[in-house]
Amino acid sequence: MIPVKVTVNGSYHNTAVFFEKVARLPRIINIEDISMGEVKAKGIGPLLNTSCIVKTYMFVQKKTAEKGKKADGKNK
């Protein structure tokens, strides 16, 4: 598992688009501990400050002896 702390600033719509794009990635990704708060921005409109922990998982394949080789590394 690889956890990454992420902070995103943007409109509610842009934040939702970010989460949608993460959901469409070709990996297993969990988003946890989501915290949203309003940021006061002049002239831009309401913005959200969103922080979360993004966790992705990595498959680690066990190494096996190569086919056709003995444990000592010599060919049969």
PDB file of N, CA and C in Angstrom:
ATOM      1  N   MET A   1       0.851  -1.174   0.000  1.00  0.00           N
ATOM      2  CA  MET A   1       0.000   0.000   0.000  1.00  0.00           C
ATOM      3  C   MET A   1       0.898   1.238   0.000  1.00  0.00           C
ATOM      4  N   ILE A   2       0.505   2.213  -0.802  1.00  0.00           N
ATOM      5  CA  ILE A   2       1.254   3.461  -0.903  1.00  0.00           C
ATOM      6  C   ILE A   2       0.300   4.609  -0.589  1.00  0.00           C
ATOM      7  N   PRO A   3       0.372   5.214   0.617  1.00  0.00           N
ATOM      8  CA  PRO A   3      -0.512   6.332   0.949  1.00  0.00           C
ATOM      9  C   PRO A   3       0.098   7.668   0.515  1.00  0.00           C
ATOM     10  N   VAL A   4      -0.757   8.559  -0.004  1.00  0.00           N
ATOM     11  CA  VAL A   4      -0.323   9.890  -0.429  1.00  0.00           C
ATOM     12  C   VAL A   4      -1.333  10.903   0.092  1.00  0.00           C
ATOM     13  N   LYS A   5      -0.852  11.939   0.796  1.00  0.00           N
ATOM     14  CA  LYS A   5      -1.740  13.003   1.261  1.00  0.00           C
ATOM     15  C   LYS A   5      -1.910  14.000   0.120  1.00  0.00           C
ATOM     16  N   VAL A   6      -3.170  14.298  -0.210  1.00  0.00           N
ATOM     17  CA  VAL A   6      -3.474  15.171  -1.344  1.00  0.00           C
ATOM     18  C   VAL A   6      -4.335  16.332  -0.867  1.00  0.00           C
ATOM     19  N   THR A   7      -4.034  17.528  -1.354  1.00  0.00           N
ATOM     20  CA  THR A   7      -4.864  18.708  -1.115  1.00  0.00           C
ATOM     21  C   THR A   7      -5.232  19.303  -2.460  1.00  0.00           C
ATOM     22  N   VAL A   8      -6.528  19.532  -2.659  1.00  0.00           N
ATOM     23  CA  VAL A   8      -7.046  20.050  -3.922  1.00  0.00           C
ATOM     24  C   VAL A   8      -7.839  21.321  -3.620  1.00  0.00           C
ATOM     25  N   ASN A   9      -7.581  22.380  -4.375  1.00  0.00           N
ATOM     26  CA  ASN A   9      -8.363  23.611  -4.274  1.00  0.00           C
ATOM     27  C   ASN A   9      -9.091  23.830  -5.584  1.00  0.00           C
ATOM     28  N   GLY A  10     -10.399  24.044  -5.507  1.00  0.00           N
ATOM     29  CA  GLY A  10     -11.169  24.279  -6.718  1.00  0.00           C
ATOM     30  C   GLY A  10     -12.645  24.346  -6.400  1.00  0.00           C
ATOM     31  N   SER A  11     -13.431  24.495  -7.428  1.00  0.00           N
ATOM     32  CA  SER A  11     -14.882  24.538  -7.235  1.00  0.00           C
ATOM     33  C   SER A  11     -15.376  23.143  -6.865  1.00  0.00           C
ATOM     34  N   TYR A  12     -16.616  23.068  -6.420  1.00  0.00           N
ATOM     35  CA  TYR A  12     -17.205  21.779  -6.067  1.00  0.00           C
ATOM     36  C   TYR A  12     -17.187  20.860  -7.289  1.00  0.00           C
ATOM     37  N   HIS A  13     -17.555  21.401  -8.450  1.00  0.00           N
ATOM     38  CA  HIS A  13     -17.590  20.612  -9.688  1.00  0.00           C
ATOM     39  C   HIS A  13     -16.197  20.090 -10.046  1.00  0.00           C
ATOM     40  N   ASN A  14     -15.187  20.960  -9.979  1.00  0.00           N
ATOM     41  CA  ASN A  14     -13.825  20.537 -10.323  1.00  0.00           C
ATOM     42  C   ASN A  14     -13.308  19.478  -9.358  1.00  0.00           C
ATOM     43  N   THR A  15     -13.667  19.585  -8.094  1.00  0.00           N
ATOM     44  CA  THR A  15     -13.267  18.586  -7.113  1.00  0.00           C
ATOM     45  C   THR A  15     -13.910  17.241  -7.429  1.00  0.00           C
ATOM     46  N   ALA A  16     -15.186  17.251  -7.791  1.00  0.00           N
ATOM     47  CA  ALA A  16     -15.880  16.015  -8.160  1.00  0.00           C
ATOM     48  C   ALA A  16     -15.267  15.404  -9.420  1.00  0.00           C
ATOM     49  N   VAL A  17     -14.877  16.222 -10.381  1.00  0.00           N
ATOM     50  CA  VAL A  17     -14.228  15.722 -11.605  1.00  0.00           C
ATOM     51  C   VAL A  17     -12.888  15.073 -11.256  1.00  0.00           C
ATOM     52  N   PHE A  18     -12.143  15.668 -10.327  1.00  0.00           N
ATOM     53  CA  PHE A  18     -10.875  15.074  -9.888  1.00  0.00           C
ATOM     54  C   PHE A  18     -11.113  13.676  -9.315  1.00  0.00           C
ATOM     55  N   PHE A  19     -12.094  13.536  -8.417  1.00  0.00           N
ATOM     56  CA  PHE A  19     -12.384  12.234  -7.825  1.00  0.00           C
ATOM     57  C   PHE A  19     -12.854  11.233  -8.883  1.00  0.00           C
ATOM     58  N   GLU A  20     -13.615  11.700  -9.860  1.00  0.00           N
ATOM     59  CA  GLU A  20     -14.067  10.806 -10.931  1.00  0.00           C
ATOM     60  C   GLU A  20     -12.880  10.296 -11.748  1.00  0.00           C
ATOM     61  N   LYS A  21     -11.938  11.175 -12.059  1.00  0.00           N
ATOM     62  CA  LYS A  21     -10.773  10.757 -12.849  1.00  0.00           C
ATOM     63  C   LYS A  21      -9.896   9.788 -12.070  1.00  0.00           C
ATOM     64  N   VAL A  22      -9.779   9.993 -10.765  1.00  0.00           N
ATOM     65  CA  VAL A  22      -9.027   9.042  -9.945  1.00  0.00           C
ATOM     66  C   VAL A  22      -9.727   7.683  -9.966  1.00  0.00           C
ATOM     67  N   ALA A  23     -11.055   7.684  -9.892  1.00  0.00           N
ATOM     68  CA  ALA A  23     -11.821   6.436  -9.897  1.00  0.00           C
ATOM     69  C   ALA A  23     -11.653   5.662 -11.204  1.00  0.00           C
ATOM     70  N   ARG A  24     -11.364   6.358 -12.301  1.00  0.00           N
ATOM     71  CA  ARG A  24     -11.228   5.706 -13.602  1.00  0.00           C
ATOM     72  C   ARG A  24      -9.811   5.218 -13.897  1.00  0.00           C
ATOM     73  N   LEU A  25      -8.871   5.457 -12.990  1.00  0.00           N
ATOM     74  CA  LEU A  25      -7.508   4.980 -13.208  1.00  0.00           C
ATOM     75  C   LEU A  25      -7.485   3.451 -13.201  1.00  0.00           C
ATOM     76  N   PRO A  26      -6.567   2.846 -13.943  1.00  0.00           N
ATOM     77  CA  PRO A  26      -6.547   1.389 -14.060  1.00  0.00           C
ATOM     78  C   PRO A  26      -5.876   0.685 -12.872  1.00  0.00           C
ATOM     79  N   ARG A  27      -5.983   1.235 -11.700  1.00  0.00           N
ATOM     80  CA  ARG A  27      -5.416   0.657 -10.480  1.00  0.00           C
ATOM     81  C   ARG A  27      -6.470   0.662  -9.397  1.00  0.00           C
ATOM     82  N   ILE A  28      -6.244  -0.091  -8.349  1.00  0.00           N
ATOM     83  CA  ILE A  28      -7.121  -0.031  -7.184  1.00  0.00           C
ATOM     84  C   ILE A  28      -6.659   1.147  -6.340  1.00  0.00           C
ATOM     85  N   ILE A  29      -7.557   2.100  -6.149  1.00  0.00           N
ATOM     86  CA  ILE A  29      -7.232   3.311  -5.388  1.00  0.00           C
ATOM     87  C   ILE A  29      -8.373   3.598  -4.424  1.00  0.00           C
ATOM     88  N   ASN A  30      -8.032   3.812  -3.162  1.00  0.00           N
ATOM     89  CA  ASN A  30      -9.015   4.212  -2.162  1.00  0.00           C
ATOM     90  C   ASN A  30      -8.740   5.647  -1.751  1.00  0.00           C
ATOM     91  N   ILE A  31      -9.801   6.406  -1.567  1.00  0.00           N
ATOM     92  CA  ILE A  31      -9.690   7.771  -1.062  1.00  0.00           C
ATOM     93  C   ILE A  31     -10.330   7.783   0.312  1.00  0.00           C
ATOM     94  N   GLU A  32      -9.552   8.168   1.320  1.00  0.00           N
ATOM     95  CA  GLU A  32     -10.001   8.125   2.706  1.00  0.00           C
ATOM     96  C   GLU A  32      -9.769   9.456   3.400  1.00  0.00           C
ATOM     97  N   ASP A  33     -10.408   9.610   4.549  1.00  0.00           N
ATOM     98  CA  ASP A  33     -10.227  10.787   5.411  1.00  0.00           C
ATOM     99  C   ASP A  33     -10.427  12.094   4.633  1.00  0.00           C
ATOM    100  N   ILE A  34     -11.541  12.198   3.934  1.00  0.00           N
ATOM    101  CA  ILE A  34     -11.832  13.391   3.137  1.00  0.00           C
ATOM    102  C   ILE A  34     -12.287  14.517   4.057  1.00  0.00           C
ATOM    103  N   SER A  35     -11.689  15.675   3.871  1.00  0.00           N
ATOM    104  CA  SER A  35     -12.064  16.865   4.638  1.00  0.00           C
ATOM    105  C   SER A  35     -12.241  18.011   3.654  1.00  0.00           C
ATOM    106  N   MET A  36     -13.424  18.653   3.675  1.00  0.00           N
ATOM    107  CA  MET A  36     -13.708  19.766   2.764  1.00  0.00           C
ATOM    108  C   MET A  36     -14.039  21.016   3.566  1.00  0.00           C
ATOM    109  N   GLY A  37     -13.515  22.136   3.104  1.00  0.00           N
ATOM    110  CA  GLY A  37     -13.805  23.411   3.730  1.00  0.00           C
ATOM    111  C   GLY A  37     -13.796  24.504   2.684  1.00  0.00           C
ATOM    112  N   GLU A  38     -14.552  25.553   2.935  1.00  0.00           N
ATOM    113  CA  GLU A  38     -14.644  26.654   1.975  1.00  0.00           C
ATOM    114  C   GLU A  38     -13.441  27.576   2.110  1.00  0.00           C
ATOM    115  N   VAL A  39     -12.943  28.017   0.967  1.00  0.00           N
ATOM    116  CA  VAL A  39     -11.856  28.991   0.922  1.00  0.00           C
ATOM    117  C   VAL A  39     -12.452  30.287   0.407  1.00  0.00           C
ATOM    118  N   LYS A  40     -12.187  31.358   1.078  1.00  0.00           N
ATOM    119  CA  LYS A  40     -12.692  32.666   0.627  1.00  0.00           C
ATOM    120  C   LYS A  40     -11.766  33.208  -0.463  1.00  0.00           C
ATOM    121  N   ALA A  41     -12.306  33.364  -1.650  1.00  0.00           N
ATOM    122  CA  ALA A  41     -11.538  33.902  -2.774  1.00  0.00           C
ATOM    123  C   ALA A  41     -12.308  35.085  -3.348  1.00  0.00           C
ATOM    124  N   LYS A  42     -11.616  36.177  -3.576  1.00  0.00           N
ATOM    125  CA  LYS A  42     -12.268  37.384  -4.086  1.00  0.00           C
ATOM    126  C   LYS A  42     -12.467  37.300  -5.589  1.00  0.00           C
ATOM    127  N   GLY A  43     -13.702  37.489  -6.031  1.00  0.00           N
ATOM    128  CA  GLY A  43     -14.013  37.590  -7.442  1.00  0.00           C
ATOM    129  C   GLY A  43     -14.053  36.274  -8.200  1.00  0.00           C
ATOM    130  N   ILE A  44     -13.669  35.184  -7.595  1.00  0.00           N
ATOM    131  CA  ILE A  44     -13.635  33.908  -8.300  1.00  0.00           C
ATOM    132  C   ILE A  44     -14.896  33.102  -8.019  1.00  0.00           C
ATOM    133  N   GLY A  45     -15.498  33.288  -6.891  1.00  0.00           N
ATOM    134  CA  GLY A  45     -16.629  32.474  -6.472  1.00  0.00           C
ATOM    135  C   GLY A  45     -16.194  31.533  -5.368  1.00  0.00           C
ATOM    136  N   PRO A  46     -17.121  30.748  -4.871  1.00  0.00           N
ATOM    137  CA  PRO A  46     -16.764  29.856  -3.767  1.00  0.00           C
ATOM    138  C   PRO A  46     -15.821  28.737  -4.214  1.00  0.00           C
ATOM    139  N   LEU A  47     -14.789  28.514  -3.442  1.00  0.00           N
ATOM    140  CA  LEU A  47     -13.837  27.445  -3.699  1.00  0.00           C
ATOM    141  C   LEU A  47     -13.800  26.494  -2.514  1.00  0.00           C
ATOM    142  N   LEU A  48     -13.484  25.250  -2.784  1.00  0.00           N
ATOM    143  CA  LEU A  48     -13.325  24.258  -1.733  1.00  0.00           C
ATOM    144  C   LEU A  48     -11.853  23.924  -1.563  1.00  0.00           C
ATOM    145  N   ASN A  49     -11.458  23.777  -0.320  1.00  0.00           N
ATOM    146  CA  ASN A  49     -10.144  23.247   0.000  1.00  0.00           C
ATOM    147  C   ASN A  49     -10.397  21.821   0.474  1.00  0.00           C
ATOM    148  N   THR A  50     -10.002  20.828  -0.318  1.00  0.00           N
ATOM    149  CA  THR A  50     -10.269  19.428  -0.021  1.00  0.00           C
ATOM    150  C   THR A  50      -8.953  18.719   0.245  1.00  0.00           C
ATOM    151  N   SER A  51      -8.880  18.034   1.371  1.00  0.00           N
ATOM    152  CA  SER A  51      -7.697  17.225   1.659  1.00  0.00           C
ATOM    153  C   SER A  51      -8.152  15.796   1.910  1.00  0.00           C
ATOM    154  N   CYS A  52      -7.304  14.849   1.539  1.00  0.00           N
ATOM    155  CA  CYS A  52      -7.637  13.441   1.699  1.00  0.00           C
ATOM    156  C   CYS A  52      -6.365  12.613   1.630  1.00  0.00           C
ATOM    157  N   ILE A  53      -6.522  11.347   1.961  1.00  0.00           N
ATOM    158  CA  ILE A  53      -5.438  10.378   1.825  1.00  0.00           C
ATOM    159  C   ILE A  53      -5.816   9.456   0.664  1.00  0.00           C
ATOM    160  N   VAL A  54      -4.943   9.385  -0.326  1.00  0.00           N
ATOM    161  CA  VAL A  54      -5.148   8.505  -1.476  1.00  0.00           C
ATOM    162  C   VAL A  54      -4.227   7.309  -1.286  1.00  0.00           C
ATOM    163  N   LYS A  55      -4.819   6.113  -1.285  1.00  0.00           N
ATOM    164  CA  LYS A  55      -4.027   4.896  -1.106  1.00  0.00           C
ATOM    165  C   LYS A  55      -4.137   4.038  -2.347  1.00  0.00           C
ATOM    166  N   THR A  56      -2.986   3.636  -2.862  1.00  0.00           N
ATOM    167  CA  THR A  56      -2.955   2.735  -4.000  1.00  0.00           C
ATOM    168  C   THR A  56      -2.199   1.477  -3.593  1.00  0.00           C
ATOM    169  N   TYR A  57      -2.483   0.413  -4.270  1.00  0.00           N
ATOM    170  CA  TYR A  57      -1.906  -0.873  -3.925  1.00  0.00           C
ATOM    171  C   TYR A  57      -1.036  -1.365  -5.057  1.00  0.00           C
ATOM    172  N   MET A  58       0.005  -2.096  -4.699  1.00  0.00           N
ATOM    173  CA  MET A  58       0.961  -2.574  -5.670  1.00  0.00           C
ATOM    174  C   MET A  58       1.028  -4.095  -5.571  1.00  0.00           C
ATOM    175  N   PHE A  59       0.942  -4.762  -6.708  1.00  0.00           N
ATOM    176  CA  PHE A  59       1.047  -6.218  -6.747  1.00  0.00           C
ATOM    177  C   PHE A  59       2.514  -6.590  -6.788  1.00  0.00           C
ATOM    178  N   VAL A  60       2.934  -7.413  -5.851  1.00  0.00           N
ATOM    179  CA  VAL A  60       4.312  -7.882  -5.820  1.00  0.00           C
ATOM    180  C   VAL A  60       4.277  -9.376  -6.109  1.00  0.00           C
ATOM    181  N   GLN A  61       4.815  -9.744  -7.240  1.00  0.00           N
ATOM    182  CA  GLN A  61       4.813 -11.141  -7.653  1.00  0.00           C
ATOM    183  C   GLN A  61       5.985 -11.865  -6.999  1.00  0.00           C
ATOM    184  N   LYS A  62       5.694 -13.025  -6.434  1.00  0.00           N
ATOM    185  CA  LYS A  62       6.748 -13.822  -5.822  1.00  0.00           C
ATOM    186  C   LYS A  62       7.664 -14.360  -6.906  1.00  0.00           C
ATOM    187  N   LYS A  63       8.953 -14.322  -6.634  1.00  0.00           N
ATOM    188  CA  LYS A  63       9.919 -14.849  -7.588  1.00  0.00           C
ATOM    189  C   LYS A  63       9.936 -16.362  -7.475  1.00  0.00           C
ATOM    190  N   THR A  64       9.902 -17.026  -8.616  1.00  0.00           N
ATOM    191  CA  THR A  64       9.979 -18.481  -8.651  1.00  0.00           C
ATOM    192  C   THR A  64      11.210 -18.874  -9.444  1.00  0.00           C
ATOM    193  N   ALA A  65      11.673 -20.089  -9.218  1.00  0.00           N
ATOM    194  CA  ALA A  65      12.827 -20.575  -9.972  1.00  0.00           C
ATOM    195  C   ALA A  65      12.459 -20.632 -11.449  1.00  0.00           C
ATOM    196  N   GLU A  66      13.370 -20.217 -12.288  1.00  0.00           N
ATOM    197  CA  GLU A  66      13.105 -20.228 -13.720  1.00  0.00           C
ATOM    198  C   GLU A  66      12.896 -21.662 -14.194  1.00  0.00           C
ATOM    199  N   LYS A  67      11.993 -21.815 -15.130  1.00  0.00           N
ATOM    200  CA  LYS A  67      11.682 -23.132 -15.672  1.00  0.00           C
ATOM    201  C   LYS A  67      12.912 -23.676 -16.398  1.00  0.00           C
ATOM    202  N   GLY A  68      13.256 -24.922 -16.111  1.00  0.00           N
ATOM    203  CA  GLY A  68      14.379 -25.553 -16.785  1.00  0.00           C
ATOM    204  C   GLY A  68      15.706 -25.366 -16.084  1.00  0.00           C
ATOM    205  N   LYS A  69      15.754 -24.690 -14.923  1.00  0.00           N
ATOM    206  CA  LYS A  69      16.993 -24.519 -14.183  1.00  0.00           C
ATOM    207  C   LYS A  69      16.858 -25.149 -12.826  1.00  0.00           C
ATOM    208  N   LYS A  70      17.943 -25.717 -12.342  1.00  0.00           N
ATOM    209  CA  LYS A  70      17.968 -26.281 -10.997  1.00  0.00           C
ATOM    210  C   LYS A  70      18.160 -25.150  -9.996  1.00  0.00           C
ATOM    211  N   ALA A  71      18.007 -25.465  -8.752  1.00  0.00           N
ATOM    212  CA  ALA A  71      18.175 -24.470  -7.687  1.00  0.00           C
ATOM    213  C   ALA A  71      19.575 -23.886  -7.669  1.00  0.00           C
ATOM    214  N   ASP A  72      20.596 -24.642  -8.148  1.00  0.00           N
ATOM    215  CA  ASP A  72      21.960 -24.135  -8.142  1.00  0.00           C
ATOM    216  C   ASP A  72      22.260 -23.247  -9.336  1.00  0.00           C
ATOM    217  N   GLY A  73      21.269 -23.063 -10.222  1.00  0.00           N
ATOM    218  CA  GLY A  73      21.431 -22.158 -11.353  1.00  0.00           C
ATOM    219  C   GLY A  73      21.947 -22.799 -12.616  1.00  0.00           C
ATOM    220  N   LYS A  74      22.194 -24.099 -12.590  1.00  0.00           N
ATOM    221  CA  LYS A  74      22.701 -24.791 -13.779  1.00  0.00           C
ATOM    222  C   LYS A  74      21.543 -25.390 -14.559  1.00  0.00           C
ATOM    223  N   ASN A  75      21.684 -25.434 -15.878  1.00  0.00           N
ATOM    224  CA  ASN A  75      20.657 -26.058 -16.722  1.00  0.00           C
ATOM    225  C   ASN A  75      20.656 -27.549 -16.531  1.00  0.00           C
ATOM    226  N   LYS A  76      19.507 -28.161 -16.771  1.00  0.00           N
ATOM    227  CA  LYS A  76      19.370 -29.622 -16.666  1.00  0.00           C
ATOM    228  C   LYS A  76      20.121 -30.325 -17.774  1.00  0.00           C
TER     229      LYS A  76
END
